[in-house]
Every structure is written in structure tokens, then in C-alpha cells.
């Protein structure tokens, strides 16, 4: 099992910044990919960014150049630095971890943290 706990959400004005954190615990050694997803009211959950165990990253087009995903392996923590925030970034942000064991993949999710961008 893997436990994920997000923090860092809140209310911010357009153009502002926030940094989300996701602390991982449990069987973290076989985690291949970690990522951030978000879900706005009335919309489907969508991928924001992910980072592989090798450090490769990928971003949704809507956040490229504004968001940066990173991980601190010593602290078992995933981050999402969000700059130049827009009202359309308002959503619940979820941390995700994909773990592979003997060829089977398992997905784990955090409880989510609310990000609201509004003046």
C-alpha cells in the first residue's frame, strides 16, 4: 500500500503562485510514476503533470511554462509549483502514484487539495 497526503492548496489571486506538496509513505520503493491531476466542478479529472522515477516530466498543454513538477526522493515528497495562476486553474488537485509489482500496476490517490484562483 501507498499513502499520499497533499497539502498547500488555498485561495490565490490571478497571477499568483502556490506550491502543492504530496508526502508519500508505505511501499514507495516500486513507484514508477507520480503525478498531479485536477478536477474542476462539472468536469472530468485531467492530468496536469507527471514525473517518472528517472526524472522525466510531462505537462498538460494548458500548464506548460507555468507549472513545474518535481520530487525530493530523500523526503519522499512530490511538489507542484504553480505560477501565473488563472481562474481556470481552479480545481481540486490530486496526487497520484503508479506502482508496479510483478508486472501488475497499481494506482494510488491522495484525498485532494482545493485550489481556488479568484480576485
Protein backbone atom coordinates (compact mmCIF):
# COMPACT_ATOMS: atom_id res chain seq x y z
CA UNK A 1 0.00 0.00 0.00
CA UNK A 2 1.00 3.59 -0.60
CA UNK A 3 -0.41 6.54 1.31
CA UNK A 4 -0.43 10.01 -0.24
CA UNK A 5 -1.19 13.22 1.64
CA UNK A 6 -1.47 16.52 -0.22
CA UNK A 7 -1.07 19.99 1.21
CA UNK A 8 -0.57 23.56 0.04
CA UNK A 9 -3.86 24.41 -1.60
CA UNK A 10 -5.76 27.60 -0.93
CA UNK A 11 -7.15 30.81 -2.33
CA UNK A 12 -4.90 32.93 -4.53
CA UNK A 13 -5.43 35.90 -6.83
CA UNK A 14 -4.97 35.61 -10.59
CA UNK A 15 -1.28 35.85 -11.44
CA UNK A 16 -0.27 34.48 -8.06
CA UNK A 17 1.62 31.33 -7.09
CA UNK A 18 1.10 28.26 -4.95
CA UNK A 19 3.18 25.19 -4.23
CA UNK A 20 1.46 21.88 -3.64
CA UNK A 21 3.16 19.06 -1.76
CA UNK A 22 2.38 15.36 -1.66
CA UNK A 23 4.00 13.24 1.04
CA UNK A 24 4.24 9.54 0.19
CA UNK A 25 4.60 6.70 2.69
CA UNK A 26 4.27 2.93 2.75
CA UNK A 27 5.60 0.72 -0.06
CA UNK A 28 7.13 3.53 -2.08
CA UNK A 29 10.16 1.68 -3.44
CA UNK A 30 8.44 0.36 -6.54
CA UNK A 31 6.70 3.59 -7.52
CA UNK A 32 7.41 4.30 -11.19
CA UNK A 33 5.49 7.48 -11.87
CA UNK A 34 4.00 10.19 -9.72
CA UNK A 35 1.74 12.91 -10.96
CA UNK A 36 -0.80 15.60 -10.30
CA UNK A 37 -4.34 15.54 -11.60
CA UNK A 38 -7.12 18.07 -11.14
CA UNK A 39 -10.88 18.07 -11.30
CA UNK A 40 -12.96 21.20 -11.70
CA UNK A 41 -16.69 21.24 -10.87
CA UNK A 42 -18.69 19.50 -13.57
CA UNK A 43 -15.59 18.34 -15.42
CA UNK A 44 -13.64 15.12 -15.67
CA UNK A 45 -10.40 14.61 -13.81
CA UNK A 46 -7.47 15.55 -16.02
CA UNK A 47 -3.72 15.04 -15.93
CA UNK A 48 -1.74 18.15 -15.01
CA UNK A 49 1.81 16.78 -14.94
CA UNK A 50 3.78 13.66 -14.13
CA UNK A 51 7.35 12.73 -13.33
CA UNK A 52 8.99 9.34 -13.76
CA UNK A 53 11.43 7.61 -11.45
CA UNK A 54 14.15 8.63 -13.91
CA UNK A 55 13.18 12.28 -13.66
CA UNK A 56 11.37 12.63 -16.97
CA UNK A 57 8.45 15.03 -16.92
CA UNK A 58 5.36 15.75 -18.96
CA UNK A 59 2.82 18.55 -18.74
CA UNK A 60 -0.65 19.32 -19.99
CA UNK A 61 -0.55 22.00 -22.67
CA UNK A 62 -2.67 24.28 -20.50
CA UNK A 63 0.02 24.49 -17.79
CA UNK A 64 3.26 24.33 -19.77
CA UNK A 65 5.58 27.16 -18.88
CA UNK A 66 3.61 27.97 -15.71
CA UNK A 67 3.74 24.80 -13.59
CA UNK A 68 6.76 22.76 -12.55
CA UNK A 69 6.62 19.24 -11.13
CA UNK A 70 9.49 17.92 -9.02
CA UNK A 71 10.22 15.24 -6.44
CA UNK A 72 12.51 15.04 -3.43
CA UNK A 73 13.36 11.36 -3.08
CA UNK A 74 15.06 11.89 0.29
CA UNK A 75 11.82 13.32 1.69
CA UNK A 76 9.51 11.05 -0.33
CA UNK A 77 7.66 14.15 -1.42
CA UNK A 78 6.23 15.32 -4.73
CA UNK A 79 5.77 19.01 -5.50
CA UNK A 80 3.86 21.12 -7.96
CA UNK A 81 4.99 24.73 -8.26
CA UNK A 82 2.19 26.74 -9.85
CA UNK A 83 2.93 30.23 -11.15
CA UNK A 84 0.88 32.76 -13.12
CA UNK A 85 -2.30 31.12 -11.90
CA UNK A 86 -5.52 31.68 -13.81
CA UNK A 87 -9.15 31.33 -12.73
CA UNK A 88 -9.42 28.27 -14.97
CA UNK A 89 -6.81 26.55 -12.79
CA UNK A 90 -9.42 26.39 -10.02
CA UNK A 91 -9.96 22.74 -9.13
CA UNK A 92 -9.33 20.03 -6.60
CA UNK A 93 -5.78 18.80 -7.17
CA UNK A 94 -4.98 15.13 -6.56
CA UNK A 95 -1.64 13.43 -6.14
CA UNK A 96 -1.24 10.07 -7.89
CA UNK A 97 1.34 7.30 -7.67
CA UNK A 98 1.68 4.34 -10.01
CA UNK A 99 3.41 1.32 -8.56
CA UNK A 100 4.37 -1.85 -10.44
CA UNK A 101 4.67 -5.20 -8.73
CA UNK A 102 5.45 -8.34 -10.76
CA UNK A 103 4.05 -6.81 -13.92
CA UNK A 104 0.85 -5.52 -12.32
CA UNK A 105 0.27 -1.79 -11.96
CA UNK A 106 -1.49 -0.23 -9.01
CA UNK A 107 -2.79 3.34 -8.75
CA UNK A 108 -2.93 5.28 -5.50
CA UNK A 109 -4.59 8.64 -4.87
CA UNK A 110 -4.44 11.31 -2.25
CA UNK A 111 -7.52 12.94 -0.77
CA UNK A 112 -7.16 16.10 -2.84
CA UNK A 113 -6.48 19.73 -2.04
CA UNK A 114 -8.59 22.66 -3.21
CA UNK A 115 -7.02 25.40 -5.30
CA UNK A 116 -9.14 28.48 -5.95
CA UNK A 117 -7.93 31.30 -8.19
CA UNK A 118 -10.12 34.34 -7.79
CA UNK A 119 -9.93 38.06 -7.19
